[in-house]
N, C-alpha and C. Protein backbone atom coordinates (compact mmCIF):
# COMPACT_ATOMS: atom_id res chain seq x y z
N MET A 1 0.84 -1.18 0.00
CA MET A 1 0.00 0.00 0.00
C MET A 1 0.88 1.24 0.00
N VAL A 2 0.56 2.19 -0.81
CA VAL A 2 1.29 3.45 -0.84
C VAL A 2 0.83 4.32 0.32
N GLY A 3 1.76 4.87 1.08
CA GLY A 3 1.42 5.78 2.15
C GLY A 3 1.07 5.12 3.47
N TRP A 4 1.07 3.80 3.54
CA TRP A 4 0.74 3.09 4.78
C TRP A 4 1.81 2.05 5.03
N TRP A 5 1.92 1.61 6.27
CA TRP A 5 2.85 0.54 6.61
C TRP A 5 2.35 -0.77 6.07
N SER A 6 3.17 -1.75 6.12
CA SER A 6 2.85 -3.09 5.63
C SER A 6 1.54 -3.61 6.23
N ALA A 7 0.81 -4.36 5.45
CA ALA A 7 -0.44 -4.95 5.93
C ALA A 7 -0.20 -5.93 7.07
N THR A 8 1.04 -6.34 7.29
CA THR A 8 1.35 -7.27 8.38
C THR A 8 1.65 -6.54 9.68
N ALA A 9 1.70 -5.20 9.64
CA ALA A 9 1.99 -4.42 10.85
C ALA A 9 0.85 -4.55 11.84
N SER A 10 1.17 -4.43 13.11
CA SER A 10 0.16 -4.47 14.17
C SER A 10 0.53 -3.41 15.19
N PHE A 11 -0.26 -2.33 15.26
CA PHE A 11 0.09 -1.17 16.07
C PHE A 11 -0.63 -1.19 17.41
N ASP A 12 0.10 -0.79 18.46
CA ASP A 12 -0.50 -0.57 19.78
C ASP A 12 -1.16 0.81 19.82
N ALA A 13 -0.53 1.79 19.16
CA ALA A 13 -1.02 3.16 19.17
C ALA A 13 -0.62 3.86 17.87
N VAL A 14 -1.49 4.78 17.43
CA VAL A 14 -1.25 5.55 16.21
C VAL A 14 -1.69 6.99 16.49
N ILE A 15 -0.90 7.96 16.05
CA ILE A 15 -1.29 9.37 16.08
C ILE A 15 -1.31 9.85 14.64
N VAL A 16 -2.46 10.31 14.18
CA VAL A 16 -2.61 10.85 12.82
C VAL A 16 -2.53 12.36 12.94
N THR A 17 -1.55 12.98 12.28
CA THR A 17 -1.29 14.41 12.45
C THR A 17 -1.77 15.25 11.28
N ALA A 18 -2.71 14.74 10.52
CA ALA A 18 -3.38 15.50 9.46
C ALA A 18 -4.84 15.09 9.48
N ASP A 19 -5.67 15.76 8.71
CA ASP A 19 -7.12 15.65 8.79
C ASP A 19 -7.71 14.73 7.72
N PRO A 20 -7.95 13.44 8.02
CA PRO A 20 -8.70 12.62 7.07
C PRO A 20 -10.19 12.91 7.20
N GLU A 21 -10.97 12.67 6.15
CA GLU A 21 -12.41 12.90 6.21
C GLU A 21 -13.12 11.82 7.02
N THR A 22 -12.50 10.64 7.12
CA THR A 22 -13.06 9.53 7.89
C THR A 22 -11.92 8.86 8.67
N ILE A 23 -12.27 8.03 9.63
CA ILE A 23 -11.26 7.26 10.34
C ILE A 23 -10.62 6.31 9.34
N PRO A 24 -9.30 6.36 9.16
CA PRO A 24 -8.64 5.52 8.15
C PRO A 24 -8.84 4.02 8.43
N PRO A 25 -9.65 3.33 7.62
CA PRO A 25 -9.93 1.92 7.88
C PRO A 25 -8.68 1.04 7.86
N GLN A 26 -7.67 1.43 7.06
CA GLN A 26 -6.44 0.64 7.01
C GLN A 26 -5.74 0.66 8.36
N LEU A 27 -5.76 1.81 9.02
CA LEU A 27 -5.10 1.91 10.33
C LEU A 27 -5.87 1.18 11.41
N VAL A 28 -7.19 1.19 11.32
CA VAL A 28 -8.00 0.41 12.27
C VAL A 28 -7.70 -1.07 12.08
N LYS A 29 -7.68 -1.50 10.83
CA LYS A 29 -7.41 -2.91 10.53
C LYS A 29 -6.04 -3.33 11.05
N GLN A 30 -5.05 -2.44 10.96
CA GLN A 30 -3.70 -2.75 11.38
C GLN A 30 -3.46 -2.54 12.87
N SER A 31 -4.47 -2.09 13.61
CA SER A 31 -4.33 -1.91 15.05
C SER A 31 -4.57 -3.22 15.77
N ARG A 32 -3.84 -3.41 16.85
CA ARG A 32 -4.07 -4.58 17.69
C ARG A 32 -5.39 -4.41 18.43
N SER A 33 -5.95 -5.50 18.91
CA SER A 33 -7.12 -5.42 19.76
C SER A 33 -6.76 -4.57 20.97
N ASP A 34 -7.60 -3.63 21.32
CA ASP A 34 -7.38 -2.63 22.37
C ASP A 34 -6.35 -1.58 21.98
N GLY A 35 -5.89 -1.58 20.71
CA GLY A 35 -5.00 -0.53 20.23
C GLY A 35 -5.76 0.78 20.14
N ARG A 36 -5.06 1.89 20.30
CA ARG A 36 -5.69 3.21 20.26
C ARG A 36 -5.10 4.08 19.16
N MET A 37 -5.97 4.95 18.63
CA MET A 37 -5.55 5.90 17.61
C MET A 37 -6.08 7.27 18.01
N VAL A 38 -5.23 8.29 17.93
CA VAL A 38 -5.65 9.67 18.13
C VAL A 38 -5.70 10.29 16.75
N VAL A 39 -6.90 10.78 16.37
CA VAL A 39 -7.10 11.27 15.01
C VAL A 39 -8.16 12.37 15.01
N GLN A 40 -7.96 13.37 14.20
CA GLN A 40 -8.93 14.43 13.98
C GLN A 40 -9.71 14.05 12.73
N VAL A 41 -11.04 14.01 12.83
CA VAL A 41 -11.87 13.57 11.71
C VAL A 41 -12.96 14.59 11.45
N ALA A 42 -12.99 15.14 10.24
CA ALA A 42 -14.07 16.05 9.87
C ALA A 42 -13.78 16.70 8.53
N VAL A 43 -14.79 17.36 8.02
CA VAL A 43 -14.61 18.16 6.82
C VAL A 43 -14.60 19.64 7.22
N TYR A 44 -15.56 20.08 8.04
CA TYR A 44 -15.65 21.48 8.45
C TYR A 44 -15.39 21.63 9.95
N ASP A 45 -16.30 21.16 10.80
CA ASP A 45 -16.11 21.21 12.24
C ASP A 45 -15.17 20.09 12.64
N GLN A 46 -14.01 20.43 13.12
CA GLN A 46 -12.97 19.44 13.40
C GLN A 46 -12.89 19.14 14.89
N TYR A 47 -12.89 17.87 15.22
CA TYR A 47 -12.76 17.43 16.60
C TYR A 47 -11.71 16.32 16.69
N LEU A 48 -11.01 16.30 17.80
CA LEU A 48 -10.04 15.25 18.06
C LEU A 48 -10.76 14.07 18.70
N TYR A 49 -10.46 12.87 18.21
CA TYR A 49 -11.07 11.65 18.73
C TYR A 49 -9.99 10.69 19.21
N VAL A 50 -10.33 9.92 20.23
CA VAL A 50 -9.54 8.76 20.60
C VAL A 50 -10.35 7.56 20.12
N VAL A 51 -9.76 6.78 19.22
CA VAL A 51 -10.43 5.63 18.61
C VAL A 51 -9.77 4.38 19.18
N GLN A 52 -10.58 3.46 19.66
CA GLN A 52 -10.04 2.22 20.22
C GLN A 52 -10.67 1.03 19.53
N LYS A 53 -9.82 0.14 19.04
CA LYS A 53 -10.29 -1.11 18.42
C LYS A 53 -10.56 -2.11 19.54
N THR A 54 -11.77 -2.66 19.57
CA THR A 54 -12.13 -3.65 20.59
C THR A 54 -12.56 -4.93 19.90
N GLU A 55 -12.79 -5.95 20.68
CA GLU A 55 -13.28 -7.21 20.12
C GLU A 55 -14.66 -7.04 19.50
N ASN A 56 -15.42 -6.02 19.95
CA ASN A 56 -16.77 -5.78 19.46
C ASN A 56 -16.86 -4.74 18.36
N GLY A 57 -15.73 -4.20 17.94
CA GLY A 57 -15.75 -3.18 16.88
C GLY A 57 -14.84 -2.03 17.21
N VAL A 58 -15.26 -0.81 16.85
CA VAL A 58 -14.45 0.39 17.04
C VAL A 58 -15.21 1.35 17.94
N LYS A 59 -14.55 1.80 19.00
CA LYS A 59 -15.11 2.78 19.93
C LYS A 59 -14.49 4.13 19.61
N ARG A 60 -15.31 5.19 19.49
CA ARG A 60 -14.83 6.52 19.12
C ARG A 60 -15.30 7.52 20.16
N ASP A 61 -14.35 8.18 20.86
CA ASP A 61 -14.67 9.16 21.89
C ASP A 61 -14.20 10.54 21.45
N GLN A 62 -15.15 11.50 21.31
CA GLN A 62 -14.82 12.87 20.95
C GLN A 62 -14.16 13.57 22.13
N GLN A 63 -13.06 14.31 21.86
CA GLN A 63 -12.31 14.98 22.92
C GLN A 63 -12.47 16.49 22.91
N THR A 64 -11.97 17.17 21.88
CA THR A 64 -11.95 18.63 21.87
C THR A 64 -11.90 19.15 20.43
N ALA A 65 -12.26 20.42 20.25
CA ALA A 65 -12.19 21.05 18.93
C ALA A 65 -10.73 21.33 18.58
N VAL A 66 -10.37 21.11 17.30
CA VAL A 66 -9.00 21.32 16.81
C VAL A 66 -9.05 21.85 15.39
N ARG A 67 -7.88 22.18 14.84
CA ARG A 67 -7.77 22.59 13.44
C ARG A 67 -6.52 21.96 12.86
N PHE A 68 -6.68 21.01 11.95
CA PHE A 68 -5.57 20.31 11.30
C PHE A 68 -5.60 20.59 9.81
N VAL A 69 -4.48 20.37 9.14
CA VAL A 69 -4.43 20.48 7.68
C VAL A 69 -4.99 19.20 7.08
N PRO A 70 -5.52 19.25 5.84
CA PRO A 70 -6.07 18.06 5.21
C PRO A 70 -5.03 16.97 4.98
N LEU A 71 -5.45 15.72 5.08
CA LEU A 71 -4.61 14.59 4.73
C LEU A 71 -4.86 14.30 3.26
N LEU A 72 -3.86 14.56 2.42
CA LEU A 72 -4.01 14.43 0.97
C LEU A 72 -3.46 13.12 0.45
N ASP A 73 -4.09 12.58 -0.61
CA ASP A 73 -3.63 11.38 -1.27
C ASP A 73 -3.36 10.26 -0.26
N SER A 74 -4.33 10.07 0.64
CA SER A 74 -4.11 9.19 1.77
C SER A 74 -4.48 7.75 1.52
N GLY A 75 -5.27 7.48 0.48
CA GLY A 75 -5.75 6.13 0.27
C GLY A 75 -6.78 5.72 1.31
N CYS A 76 -7.42 6.69 1.97
CA CYS A 76 -8.39 6.41 3.03
C CYS A 76 -9.78 6.13 2.50
N SER A 77 -9.99 6.28 1.22
CA SER A 77 -11.31 6.07 0.67
C SER A 77 -11.76 4.64 0.85
N SER A 78 -13.02 4.47 1.18
CA SER A 78 -13.55 3.12 1.36
C SER A 78 -13.98 2.52 0.03
N ASN A 79 -13.83 3.29 -1.06
CA ASN A 79 -14.21 2.79 -2.40
C ASN A 79 -13.16 1.90 -2.96
């Protein structure tokens, strides 16, 4: 994958320092169970989230308002 680590990677924690429009599914997939990701997700109103992968799915907790630059050519599209 261009722009992402190997599909065999397994992360305990990830910090995304640019603004994707959605939670990057590739990073969720590559997170270990109970792994956490700090990511700002939005198009206009931007909020910082702590995302945790659990055995039951993905838990997303909104933290605070922020302003990040767009994440370009990220391969984050679900299409």
